[in-house]
Structures are given as C-alpha cells and as structure tokens.
C-alpha cells in the first residue's frame, strides 16, 4: 500500500520536473525561514510513519496467527476423522 503510493508520487515527480523543482524550492525556503516548524513537521511525519509501521506489523502478526489457527483446526479434524 505504502509502496504503491510512494511509487506513484515518484513517477509523478519524474514526469513533471518543474513540479519537483517547485516543491524542492518551497521546502528549502520553508526550512530556511521556519526551521523550528519544519523540524517539528519532520518529527511528526516520522511519528506517523512509525505508528503506521507498528500497525502493519501488528496486523501481519494477527493474520498469521489466525491462519495458523485455521490450519490447526483442519489438521485436528483430519486426525479425528471428521
């Protein structure tokens, strides 16, 4: 999901170099004139990425556990002969 979004953004910026240059200039100007606010924004973005990472890891563990449980139920039914 995140890989697809990142790929589409990179494709957009590669196909539109003027847009990429404009965004780079805007970010550079904001970092120069508002470094404290940009640092807070970068920390907030890092926090959001970490939360998303942990949520996806937790979801992966839950789905793996439920898949193993389903397999064990079917193995038990095969052993019993149902």
C-alpha atoms as a PDB file:
ATOM      1  CA  UNK A   1       0.000   0.000   0.000  1.00  0.00           C
ATOM      2  CA  UNK A   2       2.641   2.492   1.035  1.00  0.00           C
ATOM      3  CA  UNK A   3       4.980   1.248  -1.692  1.00  0.00           C
ATOM      4  CA  UNK A   4       2.327   1.908  -4.330  1.00  0.00           C
ATOM      5  CA  UNK A   5       1.766   5.468  -3.107  1.00  0.00           C
ATOM      6  CA  UNK A   6       5.498   6.180  -2.990  1.00  0.00           C
ATOM      7  CA  UNK A   7       5.951   4.756  -6.489  1.00  0.00           C
ATOM      8  CA  UNK A   8       3.114   6.880  -7.906  1.00  0.00           C
ATOM      9  CA  UNK A   9       4.483  10.045  -6.270  1.00  0.00           C
ATOM     10  CA  UNK A  10       7.975   9.363  -7.616  1.00  0.00           C
ATOM     11  CA  UNK A  11       6.568   8.695 -11.085  1.00  0.00           C
ATOM     12  CA  UNK A  12       4.626  11.960 -10.951  1.00  0.00           C
ATOM     13  CA  UNK A  13       7.713  13.919  -9.933  1.00  0.00           C
ATOM     14  CA  UNK A  14       9.891  12.224 -12.565  1.00  0.00           C
ATOM     15  CA  UNK A  15       7.375  13.027 -15.291  1.00  0.00           C
ATOM     16  CA  UNK A  16       6.994  16.643 -14.132  1.00  0.00           C
ATOM     17  CA  UNK A  17      10.444  18.050 -13.309  1.00  0.00           C
ATOM     18  CA  UNK A  18       9.125  21.608 -12.940  1.00  0.00           C
ATOM     19  CA  UNK A  19       6.724  20.453 -10.228  1.00  0.00           C
ATOM     20  CA  UNK A  20       9.567  18.619  -8.467  1.00  0.00           C
ATOM     21  CA  UNK A  21      11.772  21.708  -8.659  1.00  0.00           C
ATOM     22  CA  UNK A  22       8.971  23.919  -7.344  1.00  0.00           C
ATOM     23  CA  UNK A  23       8.350  21.607  -4.403  1.00  0.00           C
ATOM     24  CA  UNK A  24      12.085  21.452  -3.631  1.00  0.00           C
ATOM     25  CA  UNK A  25      12.320  25.262  -3.654  1.00  0.00           C
ATOM     26  CA  UNK A  26       9.276  25.581  -1.394  1.00  0.00           C
ATOM     27  CA  UNK A  27      10.686  23.068   1.096  1.00  0.00           C
ATOM     28  CA  UNK A  28      14.115  24.771   1.030  1.00  0.00           C
ATOM     29  CA  UNK A  29      12.575  28.205   1.634  1.00  0.00           C
ATOM     30  CA  UNK A  30      10.438  26.897   4.477  1.00  0.00           C
ATOM     31  CA  UNK A  31      13.448  25.162   6.066  1.00  0.00           C
ATOM     32  CA  UNK A  32      15.443  28.395   5.839  1.00  0.00           C
ATOM     33  CA  UNK A  33      12.801  30.763   7.195  1.00  0.00           C
ATOM     34  CA  UNK A  34      10.982  28.383   9.559  1.00  0.00           C
ATOM     35  CA  UNK A  35      13.485  25.758  10.746  1.00  0.00           C
ATOM     36  CA  UNK A  36      11.750  25.094  14.063  1.00  0.00           C
ATOM     37  CA  UNK A  37       8.373  24.476  12.435  1.00  0.00           C
ATOM     38  CA  UNK A  38       9.895  22.272   9.729  1.00  0.00           C
ATOM     39  CA  UNK A  39      11.778  20.260  12.355  1.00  0.00           C
ATOM     40  CA  UNK A  40       8.504  19.701  14.224  1.00  0.00           C
ATOM     41  CA  UNK A  41       6.821  18.718  10.970  1.00  0.00           C
ATOM     42  CA  UNK A  42       9.605  16.242  10.206  1.00  0.00           C
ATOM     43  CA  UNK A  43       9.308  14.730  13.696  1.00  0.00           C
ATOM     44  CA  UNK A  44       5.534  14.469  13.306  1.00  0.00           C
ATOM     45  CA  UNK A  45       5.970  12.758   9.940  1.00  0.00           C
ATOM     46  CA  UNK A  46       8.450  10.323  11.490  1.00  0.00           C
ATOM     47  CA  UNK A  47       5.966   9.602  14.289  1.00  0.00           C
ATOM     48  CA  UNK A  48       3.174   8.911  11.776  1.00  0.00           C
ATOM     49  CA  UNK A  49       5.456   6.569   9.788  1.00  0.00           C
ATOM     50  CA  UNK A  50       6.407   4.675  12.962  1.00  0.00           C
ATOM     51  CA  UNK A  51       2.769   4.312  14.016  1.00  0.00           C
ATOM     52  CA  UNK A  52       1.847   3.048  10.547  1.00  0.00           C
ATOM     53  CA  UNK A  53       4.763   0.590  10.648  1.00  0.00           C
ATOM     54  CA  UNK A  54       3.744  -0.834  14.023  1.00  0.00           C
ATOM     55  CA  UNK A  55       0.095  -1.107  12.975  1.00  0.00           C
ATOM     56  CA  UNK A  56       1.022  -3.031   9.820  1.00  0.00           C
ATOM     57  CA  UNK A  57       3.333  -5.306  11.806  1.00  0.00           C
ATOM     58  CA  UNK A  58       0.579  -5.975  14.346  1.00  0.00           C
ATOM     59  CA  UNK A  59      -1.926  -6.693  11.585  1.00  0.00           C
ATOM     60  CA  UNK A  60       0.549  -9.097   9.997  1.00  0.00           C
ATOM     61  CA  UNK A  61       1.019 -10.960  13.265  1.00  0.00           C
ATOM     62  CA  UNK A  62      -2.739 -11.227  13.812  1.00  0.00           C
ATOM     63  CA  UNK A  63      -3.380 -12.530  10.303  1.00  0.00           C
ATOM     64  CA  UNK A  64      -0.531 -15.027  10.592  1.00  0.00           C
ATOM     65  CA  UNK A  65      -1.893 -16.265  13.928  1.00  0.00           C
ATOM     66  CA  UNK A  66      -5.414 -16.669  12.597  1.00  0.00           C
ATOM     67  CA  UNK A  67      -4.149 -18.546   9.516  1.00  0.00           C
ATOM     68  CA  UNK A  68      -2.176 -20.943  11.710  1.00  0.00           C
ATOM     69  CA  UNK A  69      -5.214 -21.439  13.931  1.00  0.00           C
ATOM     70  CA  UNK A  70      -7.368 -22.299  10.906  1.00  0.00           C
ATOM     71  CA  UNK A  71      -4.773 -24.808   9.710  1.00  0.00           C
ATOM     72  CA  UNK A  72      -4.597 -26.435  13.135  1.00  0.00           C
ATOM     73  CA  UNK A  73      -8.402 -26.758  13.258  1.00  0.00           C
ATOM     74  CA  UNK A  74      -8.405 -28.582   9.906  1.00  0.00           C
ATOM     75  CA  UNK A  75      -5.476 -30.806  10.981  1.00  0.00           C
ATOM     76  CA  UNK A  76      -7.359 -31.728  14.157  1.00  0.00           C
ATOM     77  CA  UNK A  77     -10.492 -32.614  12.150  1.00  0.00           C
ATOM     78  CA  UNK A  78      -8.378 -34.814   9.845  1.00  0.00           C
ATOM     79  CA  UNK A  79      -6.863 -36.680  12.801  1.00  0.00           C
ATOM     80  CA  UNK A  80     -10.275 -37.231  14.400  1.00  0.00           C
ATOM     81  CA  UNK A  81     -11.720 -38.365  11.071  1.00  0.00           C
ATOM     82  CA  UNK A  82     -14.431 -35.762  10.621  1.00  0.00           C
END
